[in-house]
Protein backbone atom coordinates (compact mmCIF):
# COMPACT_ATOMS: atom_id res chain seq x y z
CA UNK A 1 -17.17 -27.21 -8.32
CA UNK A 2 -15.78 -26.77 -4.85
CA UNK A 3 -15.39 -23.05 -4.01
CA UNK A 4 -11.45 -22.13 -3.20
CA UNK A 5 -10.59 -20.33 -0.08
CA UNK A 6 -9.89 -17.22 -0.04
CA UNK A 7 -6.65 -16.12 1.25
CA UNK A 8 -6.30 -12.47 2.49
CA UNK A 9 -3.01 -11.36 3.57
CA UNK A 10 -2.72 -7.86 5.46
CA UNK A 11 0.43 -5.73 6.53
CA UNK A 12 0.69 -4.29 10.14
CA UNK A 13 1.84 -0.41 10.39
CA UNK A 14 -0.24 1.93 8.77
CA UNK A 15 -2.81 -1.01 7.50
CA UNK A 16 -4.54 -2.87 10.95
CA UNK A 17 -2.62 -0.76 13.18
CA UNK A 18 -1.89 2.86 13.88
CA UNK A 19 1.64 2.63 15.06
CA UNK A 20 3.41 6.07 13.98
CA UNK A 21 3.35 8.26 17.24
CA UNK A 22 5.56 5.11 19.20
CA UNK A 23 7.62 4.28 16.27
CA UNK A 24 8.56 8.34 15.94
CA UNK A 25 8.86 8.89 19.84
CA UNK A 26 11.94 5.57 20.04
CA UNK A 27 13.30 6.59 17.20
CA UNK A 28 13.87 10.11 18.01
CA UNK A 29 15.03 8.90 22.03
CA UNK A 30 17.64 6.68 19.80
CA UNK A 31 19.00 9.10 17.64
CA UNK A 32 18.91 11.75 20.36
CA UNK A 33 21.22 8.85 22.64
CA UNK A 34 23.30 9.05 19.28
CA UNK A 35 23.82 12.60 19.25
CA UNK A 36 21.43 12.77 16.34
CA UNK A 37 19.22 15.25 14.90
CA UNK A 38 14.89 14.50 16.42
CA UNK A 39 12.75 13.94 12.74
CA UNK A 40 9.60 15.54 12.56
CA UNK A 41 6.44 12.75 12.32
CA UNK A 42 6.11 13.30 8.41
CA UNK A 43 9.79 12.51 8.22
CA UNK A 44 9.41 9.29 10.04
CA UNK A 45 6.18 8.38 8.53
CA UNK A 46 7.78 8.08 4.61
CA UNK A 47 10.52 6.09 5.94
CA UNK A 48 8.43 3.52 7.45
CA UNK A 49 8.18 0.39 5.43
CA UNK A 50 11.32 -0.85 4.69
CA UNK A 51 12.27 -1.67 8.37
CA UNK A 52 13.89 -0.89 11.81
CA UNK A 53 17.65 -0.37 10.05
CA UNK A 54 16.55 1.33 6.40
CA UNK A 55 14.37 3.39 8.67
CA UNK A 56 16.68 4.56 10.71
CA UNK A 57 19.82 4.64 8.33
CA UNK A 58 17.07 7.31 6.54
CA UNK A 59 16.91 8.57 9.48
CA UNK A 60 20.31 9.28 10.51
CA UNK A 61 21.90 9.74 6.17
CA UNK A 62 24.11 7.17 7.78
CA UNK A 63 25.63 3.84 6.24
CA UNK A 64 28.25 2.86 8.67
CA UNK A 65 27.36 -0.32 10.30
CA UNK A 66 28.33 0.03 13.80
CA UNK A 67 26.64 3.56 14.42
CA UNK A 68 23.44 1.52 12.67
CA UNK A 69 23.32 -1.47 14.46
CA UNK A 70 24.14 0.25 18.04
CA UNK A 71 21.05 2.71 17.13
CA UNK A 72 18.51 0.06 15.99
CA UNK A 73 19.66 -1.52 19.93
CA UNK A 74 18.72 1.46 21.21
CA UNK A 75 15.33 1.39 19.29
CA UNK A 76 14.34 -1.48 20.01
CA UNK A 77 15.46 -1.78 23.75
CA UNK A 78 12.82 1.52 23.86
CA UNK A 79 9.86 0.34 21.24
CA UNK A 80 9.61 -2.90 22.91
CA UNK A 81 9.26 -1.04 26.04
CA UNK A 82 7.18 1.89 24.78
CA UNK A 83 5.25 0.53 21.17
CA UNK A 84 1.33 0.80 23.09
CA UNK A 85 1.54 3.71 24.66
CA UNK A 86 -0.45 5.23 21.50
CA UNK A 87 -0.72 1.85 18.81
CA UNK A 88 -4.08 1.43 17.84
CA UNK A 89 -5.96 -0.57 15.58
CA UNK A 90 -8.53 1.18 12.86
CA UNK A 91 -11.14 2.02 14.08
CA UNK A 92 -13.29 -1.04 12.33
CA UNK A 93 -10.36 -3.60 11.45
CA UNK A 94 -11.39 -6.04 14.26
CA UNK A 95 -14.30 -6.42 12.96
CA UNK A 96 -13.86 -6.42 9.21
CA UNK A 97 -10.65 -9.39 10.13
CA UNK A 98 -13.62 -11.35 12.02
CA UNK A 99 -16.27 -11.16 9.42
CA UNK A 100 -13.40 -12.54 7.07
CA UNK A 101 -12.68 -15.06 9.24
CA UNK A 102 -16.75 -16.25 10.12
CA UNK A 103 -16.62 -16.00 6.54
CA UNK A 104 -14.92 -19.15 5.98
CA UNK A 105 -11.60 -16.92 4.83
CA UNK A 106 -7.96 -17.55 5.76
CA UNK A 107 -6.49 -14.66 6.94
CA UNK A 108 -2.52 -13.54 7.66
CA UNK A 109 -0.26 -11.11 8.24
CA UNK A 110 3.03 -9.95 6.92
CA UNK A 111 5.44 -6.92 8.47
CA UNK A 112 8.16 -5.65 7.50
CA UNK A 113 8.11 -5.05 11.20
CA UNK A 114 11.15 -7.33 13.37
CA UNK A 115 8.85 -10.36 14.32
CA UNK A 116 9.05 -10.03 18.15
CA UNK A 117 7.24 -6.87 18.17
CA UNK A 118 5.31 -8.09 15.45
CA UNK A 119 3.99 -10.76 17.55
CA UNK A 120 3.43 -9.53 20.35
CA UNK A 121 1.30 -6.36 18.94
CA UNK A 122 -1.04 -8.64 17.26
CA UNK A 123 -1.38 -11.15 20.19
CA UNK A 124 -2.06 -8.46 21.87
CA UNK A 125 -4.95 -6.09 20.16
CA UNK A 126 -6.02 -9.73 17.77
CA UNK A 127 -5.36 -12.35 19.35
CA UNK A 128 -5.88 -14.82 17.46
CA UNK A 129 -7.32 -14.23 14.34
CA UNK A 130 -5.15 -14.75 12.45
CA UNK A 131 -3.98 -17.73 10.48
CA UNK A 132 -0.03 -16.80 10.81
CA UNK A 133 2.07 -14.20 11.46
CA UNK A 134 5.39 -12.97 10.56
CA UNK A 135 7.67 -9.86 10.82
CA UNK A 136 11.27 -9.65 9.57
CA UNK A 137 13.58 -11.79 10.66
CA UNK A 138 17.39 -12.80 10.61
CA UNK A 139 18.62 -14.08 7.54
CA UNK A 140 15.36 -13.26 4.90
CA UNK A 141 15.09 -10.38 2.95
CA UNK A 142 12.05 -8.34 3.50
CA UNK A 143 9.31 -7.09 1.47
CA UNK A 144 9.39 -6.27 -1.24
CA UNK A 145 10.89 -9.62 -1.97
CA UNK A 146 8.47 -12.73 -2.01
CA UNK A 147 10.61 -15.29 -0.13
CA UNK A 148 8.35 -14.43 2.85
CA UNK A 149 5.49 -14.86 0.77
CA UNK A 150 5.94 -18.18 -0.98
CA UNK A 151 7.58 -19.25 2.70
CA UNK A 152 3.96 -18.62 4.01
CA UNK A 153 1.89 -20.35 1.66
CA UNK A 154 4.70 -23.28 1.50
CA UNK A 155 3.78 -23.55 6.12
CA UNK A 156 -0.08 -23.49 5.38
CA UNK A 157 -0.39 -24.90 1.92
CA UNK A 158 -1.93 -21.38 0.34
CA UNK A 159 -3.29 -21.80 -3.29
CA UNK A 160 -1.33 -19.24 -4.66
CA UNK A 161 -4.37 -18.72 -6.89
CA UNK A 162 -6.96 -17.54 -4.78
CA UNK A 163 -4.66 -14.72 -2.19
CA UNK A 164 -5.23 -10.72 -2.44
CA UNK A 165 -2.49 -8.19 -0.60
CA UNK A 166 -3.76 -5.67 1.64
CA UNK A 167 -1.40 -2.19 2.15
CA UNK A 168 -0.66 0.98 2.38
CA UNK A 169 2.39 1.72 0.70
CA UNK A 170 4.93 1.83 -2.37
CA UNK A 171 6.59 -1.09 -0.87
CA UNK A 172 3.59 -3.33 -0.64
CA UNK A 173 2.26 -2.34 -3.47
CA UNK A 174 5.29 -3.83 -4.97
CA UNK A 175 5.04 -6.85 -2.45
CA UNK A 176 2.31 -7.73 -4.38
CA UNK A 177 3.23 -7.46 -8.08
CA UNK A 178 6.48 -9.99 -7.31
CA UNK A 179 3.96 -12.63 -5.62
CA UNK A 180 1.50 -11.71 -8.86
CA UNK A 181 -1.02 -11.38 -6.75
CA UNK A 182 -4.26 -8.92 -6.61
CA UNK A 183 -2.93 -5.69 -4.25
CA UNK A 184 -5.30 -2.95 -2.63
CA UNK A 185 -4.23 0.61 -0.76
CA UNK A 186 -5.50 2.18 2.54
CA UNK A 187 -5.57 5.62 1.61
CA UNK A 188 -5.29 5.80 6.12
CA UNK A 189 -1.85 4.78 6.69
CA UNK A 190 1.73 6.23 6.12
CA UNK A 191 1.25 7.02 2.88
CA UNK A 192 -0.99 9.84 0.88
CA UNK A 193 -2.93 8.46 -1.75
CA UNK A 194 -1.42 10.04 -4.02
CA UNK A 195 1.67 8.02 -3.55
CA UNK A 196 -0.21 4.40 -4.15
CA UNK A 197 -1.37 5.63 -7.27
CA UNK A 198 2.43 6.61 -8.74
CA UNK A 199 3.57 2.60 -7.54
CA UNK A 200 1.07 1.62 -9.57
CA UNK A 201 -2.30 0.61 -7.21
CA UNK A 202 -5.05 0.37 -8.92
CA UNK A 203 -7.61 -0.26 -6.39
CA UNK A 204 -7.39 2.24 -3.52
CA UNK A 205 -10.10 2.28 -0.40
CA UNK A 206 -10.47 5.54 1.91
CA UNK A 207 -12.35 3.29 4.45
CA UNK A 208 -12.51 0.42 6.14
CA UNK A 209 -16.16 -0.16 5.26
CA UNK A 210 -14.69 0.22 1.55
CA UNK A 211 -12.07 -2.30 2.34
CA UNK A 212 -14.61 -4.73 3.25
CA UNK A 213 -16.86 -4.02 0.72
CA UNK A 214 -14.21 -4.98 -2.23
CA UNK A 215 -12.62 -7.86 0.13
CA UNK A 216 -16.59 -9.54 -0.75
CA UNK A 217 -16.00 -9.02 -4.01
CA UNK A 218 -12.77 -10.42 -4.02
CA UNK A 219 -13.73 -13.24 -1.52
CA UNK A 220 -17.47 -13.91 -3.20
């Protein structure tokens, strides 16, 4: 029997890239610009994961769409200019991605970060190693809704029975559940290990080397 190609899908923020300081810098810039109190790194870390609008809504504690859209616009303009001040790939991630490709696996990235920034960050830090990169798009529900998963699989003719998702948050864990695919949680991202356990993650790794071992098992 022919060996089935395994597909590994990754989250972006907190999984392959450490983006927290740059996100916090732009979020607090936007909040301060509109007269809202700045938030701590910890508060911002816990609010990341559901997309920019939800991040700012949680930080502002406001539901008014007009003010939220203004804040989003300010954030996005500032972040576009400052998104790589400190952002870097986690140690070992680039080698891991290349090793997966060298073994014949397909790798994709699915993020709730808006698509423009997602594409630019991935291109800058990872070149063209991914077979496909998908950020948040207008008119499409964000993770944990599975619509983006189905889109990626349909566009790239991916066998949904041979996919695994890697992420750092409860959003990613729930996304994998809705897609009926295995999930590996990474503890170095924006959620603590205990939070990943609480959301039902059965496999959690503490280092990129542990992730590599887990993926080798899945991809063998």
